[in-house]
Amino acid sequence: MTETTVYSGSRLVRIKNPHLESMEEDVLYRLDLGRKTHNLPAVFGDIKFVCIGGSPNRMRAFAQFMHKQLGLAGDGEDLADICVGTDHYAMYRAGPVLSISHGLGIPSISIMLHELIKLLHHAKC
């Protein structure tokens, strides 16, 4: 497999899949996101940290904790699940921090990481 090196701003992004950029659409099915249906750079482009854990409730609690620690507006109780259209994973955002559940077992976490890495690539963060 060939590896393509792409420079995005001041960051170096290594792409293992040389066909990723030529895809007309990339549906991140289990995250209920896609390149055509969502403006991924606008929504996720400023993400700096990602925290993953098994339980959706723990990831929501972590996002609420980060919301308070970062001093963001509001109380953090109204954080919405970004993956609400699917029952595979739960994803929350608190400023530059993304909190996502991975479910149970190696197959579940590997699928989530695959889609998460593509999401972060498409978001250019």
C-alpha atoms as a PDB file:
ATOM      1  CA  MET A   1       0.000   0.000   0.000  1.00  0.00           C
ATOM      2  CA  THR A   2       1.350   3.388  -0.899  1.00  0.00           C
ATOM      3  CA  GLU A   3       1.458   6.256   1.542  1.00  0.00           C
ATOM      4  CA  THR A   4       0.713   9.793   0.481  1.00  0.00           C
ATOM      5  CA  THR A   5       2.028  12.775   2.394  1.00  0.00           C
ATOM      6  CA  VAL A   6      -0.215  15.814   2.359  1.00  0.00           C
ATOM      7  CA  TYR A   7       0.623  19.137   3.945  1.00  0.00           C
ATOM      8  CA  SER A   8      -2.411  20.836   5.460  1.00  0.00           C
ATOM      9  CA  GLY A   9      -1.500  24.269   6.742  1.00  0.00           C
ATOM     10  CA  SER A  10       1.339  23.780   9.187  1.00  0.00           C
ATOM     11  CA  ARG A  11       0.376  20.174   9.938  1.00  0.00           C
ATOM     12  CA  LEU A  12       1.574  16.989   8.293  1.00  0.00           C
ATOM     13  CA  VAL A  13      -1.188  14.463   7.662  1.00  0.00           C
ATOM     14  CA  ARG A  14      -0.234  10.930   6.624  1.00  0.00           C
ATOM     15  CA  ILE A  15      -2.860   9.240   4.500  1.00  0.00           C
ATOM     16  CA  LYS A  16      -2.579   5.471   4.148  1.00  0.00           C
ATOM     17  CA  ASN A  17      -5.457   5.356   1.659  1.00  0.00           C
ATOM     18  CA  PRO A  18      -4.484   7.188  -1.529  1.00  0.00           C
ATOM     19  CA  HIS A  19      -8.121   7.069  -2.738  1.00  0.00           C
ATOM     20  CA  LEU A  20      -9.590   8.935   0.233  1.00  0.00           C
ATOM     21  CA  GLU A  21      -9.294  12.389  -1.337  1.00  0.00           C
ATOM     22  CA  SER A  22     -10.701  11.275  -4.694  1.00  0.00           C
ATOM     23  CA  MET A  23     -13.919   9.907  -3.165  1.00  0.00           C
ATOM     24  CA  GLU A  24     -16.942  11.982  -4.140  1.00  0.00           C
ATOM     25  CA  GLU A  25     -18.643  11.156  -0.820  1.00  0.00           C
ATOM     26  CA  ASP A  26     -17.429   9.462   2.330  1.00  0.00           C
ATOM     27  CA  VAL A  27     -20.290   8.368   4.568  1.00  0.00           C
ATOM     28  CA  LEU A  28     -19.212   7.708   8.139  1.00  0.00           C
ATOM     29  CA  TYR A  29     -22.228   5.480   8.610  1.00  0.00           C
ATOM     30  CA  ARG A  30     -21.813   4.517  12.265  1.00  0.00           C
ATOM     31  CA  LEU A  31     -21.173   8.139  13.265  1.00  0.00           C
ATOM     32  CA  ASP A  32     -24.149   9.350  11.201  1.00  0.00           C
ATOM     33  CA  LEU A  33     -21.904  11.885   9.446  1.00  0.00           C
ATOM     34  CA  GLY A  34     -20.753  12.423   5.883  1.00  0.00           C
ATOM     35  CA  ARG A  35     -18.711  14.787   3.742  1.00  0.00           C
ATOM     36  CA  LYS A  36     -21.734  15.870   1.686  1.00  0.00           C
ATOM     37  CA  THR A  37     -24.272  16.020   4.494  1.00  0.00           C
ATOM     38  CA  HIS A  38     -22.104  17.893   7.018  1.00  0.00           C
ATOM     39  CA  ASN A  39     -19.527  20.659   6.814  1.00  0.00           C
ATOM     40  CA  LEU A  40     -16.921  18.642   8.717  1.00  0.00           C
ATOM     41  CA  PRO A  41     -14.184  21.335   8.761  1.00  0.00           C
ATOM     42  CA  ALA A  42     -16.655  23.897  10.167  1.00  0.00           C
ATOM     43  CA  VAL A  43     -18.013  21.539  12.823  1.00  0.00           C
ATOM     44  CA  PHE A  44     -14.847  19.674  13.838  1.00  0.00           C
ATOM     45  CA  GLY A  45     -11.945  21.684  12.398  1.00  0.00           C
ATOM     46  CA  ASP A  46     -10.836  23.104  15.746  1.00  0.00           C
ATOM     47  CA  ILE A  47     -10.803  19.797  17.663  1.00  0.00           C
ATOM     48  CA  LYS A  48      -7.496  19.425  19.519  1.00  0.00           C
ATOM     49  CA  PHE A  49      -8.201  16.525  21.877  1.00  0.00           C
ATOM     50  CA  VAL A  50     -10.194  13.296  21.605  1.00  0.00           C
ATOM     51  CA  CYS A  51     -11.182  11.166  24.563  1.00  0.00           C
ATOM     52  CA  ILE A  52     -12.692   7.734  23.995  1.00  0.00           C
ATOM     53  CA  GLY A  53     -14.367   5.363  26.417  1.00  0.00           C
ATOM     54  CA  GLY A  54     -16.767   2.450  26.351  1.00  0.00           C
ATOM     55  CA  SER A  55     -19.912   3.899  27.882  1.00  0.00           C
ATOM     56  CA  PRO A  56     -22.010   6.632  26.236  1.00  0.00           C
ATOM     57  CA  ASN A  57     -23.011   7.906  29.694  1.00  0.00           C
ATOM     58  CA  ARG A  58     -19.375   8.189  30.797  1.00  0.00           C
ATOM     59  CA  MET A  59     -18.474  10.082  27.630  1.00  0.00           C
ATOM     60  CA  ARG A  60     -21.362  12.492  28.189  1.00  0.00           C
ATOM     61  CA  ALA A  61     -20.266  13.000  31.801  1.00  0.00           C
ATOM     62  CA  PHE A  62     -16.684  13.572  30.643  1.00  0.00           C
ATOM     63  CA  ALA A  63     -17.832  16.158  28.065  1.00  0.00           C
ATOM     64  CA  GLN A  64     -19.853  17.942  30.770  1.00  0.00           C
ATOM     65  CA  PHE A  65     -16.809  17.895  33.061  1.00  0.00           C
ATOM     66  CA  MET A  66     -14.603  19.347  30.295  1.00  0.00           C
ATOM     67  CA  HIS A  67     -17.257  21.957  29.536  1.00  0.00           C
ATOM     68  CA  LYS A  68     -17.074  23.180  33.131  1.00  0.00           C
ATOM     69  CA  GLN A  69     -13.270  22.928  33.336  1.00  0.00           C
ATOM     70  CA  LEU A  70     -12.847  24.961  30.160  1.00  0.00           C
ATOM     71  CA  GLY A  71     -15.225  27.633  31.457  1.00  0.00           C
ATOM     72  CA  LEU A  72     -17.500  27.424  28.421  1.00  0.00           C
ATOM     73  CA  ALA A  73     -20.836  29.251  28.373  1.00  0.00           C
ATOM     74  CA  GLY A  74     -23.808  27.456  29.899  1.00  0.00           C
ATOM     75  CA  ASP A  75     -23.877  24.640  32.400  1.00  0.00           C
ATOM     76  CA  GLY A  76     -23.043  21.822  29.948  1.00  0.00           C
ATOM     77  CA  GLU A  77     -26.204  19.903  30.780  1.00  0.00           C
ATOM     78  CA  ASP A  78     -27.618  20.481  27.303  1.00  0.00           C
ATOM     79  CA  LEU A  79     -24.763  18.840  25.358  1.00  0.00           C
ATOM     80  CA  ALA A  80     -26.255  17.011  22.389  1.00  0.00           C
ATOM     81  CA  ASP A  81     -25.172  13.618  21.072  1.00  0.00           C
ATOM     82  CA  ILE A  82     -23.632  14.359  17.666  1.00  0.00           C
ATOM     83  CA  CYS A  83     -24.272  10.740  16.608  1.00  0.00           C
ATOM     84  CA  VAL A  84     -27.945  10.893  17.617  1.00  0.00           C
ATOM     85  CA  GLY A  85     -29.049   9.358  14.291  1.00  0.00           C
ATOM     86  CA  THR A  86     -27.366   6.040  15.092  1.00  0.00           C
ATOM     87  CA  ASP A  87     -27.249   3.720  18.065  1.00  0.00           C
ATOM     88  CA  HIS A  88     -23.651   2.586  17.430  1.00  0.00           C
ATOM     89  CA  TYR A  89     -21.783   5.340  19.267  1.00  0.00           C
ATOM     90  CA  ALA A  90     -22.322   8.556  21.218  1.00  0.00           C
ATOM     91  CA  MET A  91     -20.226  11.664  20.553  1.00  0.00           C
ATOM     92  CA  TYR A  92     -20.151  14.939  22.480  1.00  0.00           C
ATOM     93  CA  ARG A  93     -18.171  18.114  22.030  1.00  0.00           C
ATOM     94  CA  ALA A  94     -16.955  20.569  24.660  1.00  0.00           C
ATOM     95  CA  GLY A  95     -14.969  23.298  22.926  1.00  0.00           C
ATOM     96  CA  PRO A  96     -11.834  21.745  21.416  1.00  0.00           C
ATOM     97  CA  VAL A  97     -12.486  18.387  23.120  1.00  0.00           C
ATOM     98  CA  LEU A  98     -14.343  15.531  21.416  1.00  0.00           C
ATOM     99  CA  SER A  99     -15.673  12.758  23.635  1.00  0.00           C
ATOM    100  CA  ILE A 100     -16.826   9.533  21.951  1.00  0.00           C
ATOM    101  CA  SER A 101     -17.921   6.102  23.157  1.00  0.00           C
ATOM    102  CA  HIS A 102     -16.455   3.024  21.508  1.00  0.00           C
ATOM    103  CA  GLY A 103     -18.829   0.343  22.679  1.00  0.00           C
ATOM    104  CA  LEU A 104     -17.709  -3.065  23.819  1.00  0.00           C
ATOM    105  CA  GLY A 105     -14.997  -5.202  22.270  1.00  0.00           C
ATOM    106  CA  ILE A 106     -12.201  -4.918  19.756  1.00  0.00           C
ATOM    107  CA  PRO A 107     -14.411  -4.991  16.627  1.00  0.00           C
ATOM    108  CA  SER A 108     -16.472  -2.068  17.934  1.00  0.00           C
ATOM    109  CA  ILE A 109     -13.469   0.071  18.875  1.00  0.00           C
ATOM    110  CA  SER A 110     -11.668  -0.671  15.595  1.00  0.00           C
ATOM    111  CA  ILE A 111     -14.699   0.450  13.546  1.00  0.00           C
ATOM    112  CA  MET A 112     -15.068   3.590  15.660  1.00  0.00           C
ATOM    113  CA  LEU A 113     -11.365   4.462  15.357  1.00  0.00           C
ATOM    114  CA  HIS A 114     -11.459   3.917  11.590  1.00  0.00           C
ATOM    115  CA  GLU A 115     -14.371   6.339  11.179  1.00  0.00           C
ATOM    116  CA  LEU A 116     -12.985   8.782  13.759  1.00  0.00           C
ATOM    117  CA  ILE A 117      -9.625   9.017  11.991  1.00  0.00           C
ATOM    118  CA  LYS A 118     -11.372   9.665   8.668  1.00  0.00           C
ATOM    119  CA  LEU A 119     -13.589  12.265  10.369  1.00  0.00           C
ATOM    120  CA  LEU A 120     -10.570  14.107  11.788  1.00  0.00           C
ATOM    121  CA  HIS A 121      -8.842  13.948   8.398  1.00  0.00           C
ATOM    122  CA  HIS A 122     -11.871  15.321   6.550  1.00  0.00           C
ATOM    123  CA  ALA A 123     -12.253  18.033   9.220  1.00  0.00           C
ATOM    124  CA  LYS A 124      -8.628  19.063   8.637  1.00  0.00           C
ATOM    125  CA  CYS A 125      -7.835  19.177  12.318  1.00  0.00           C
END
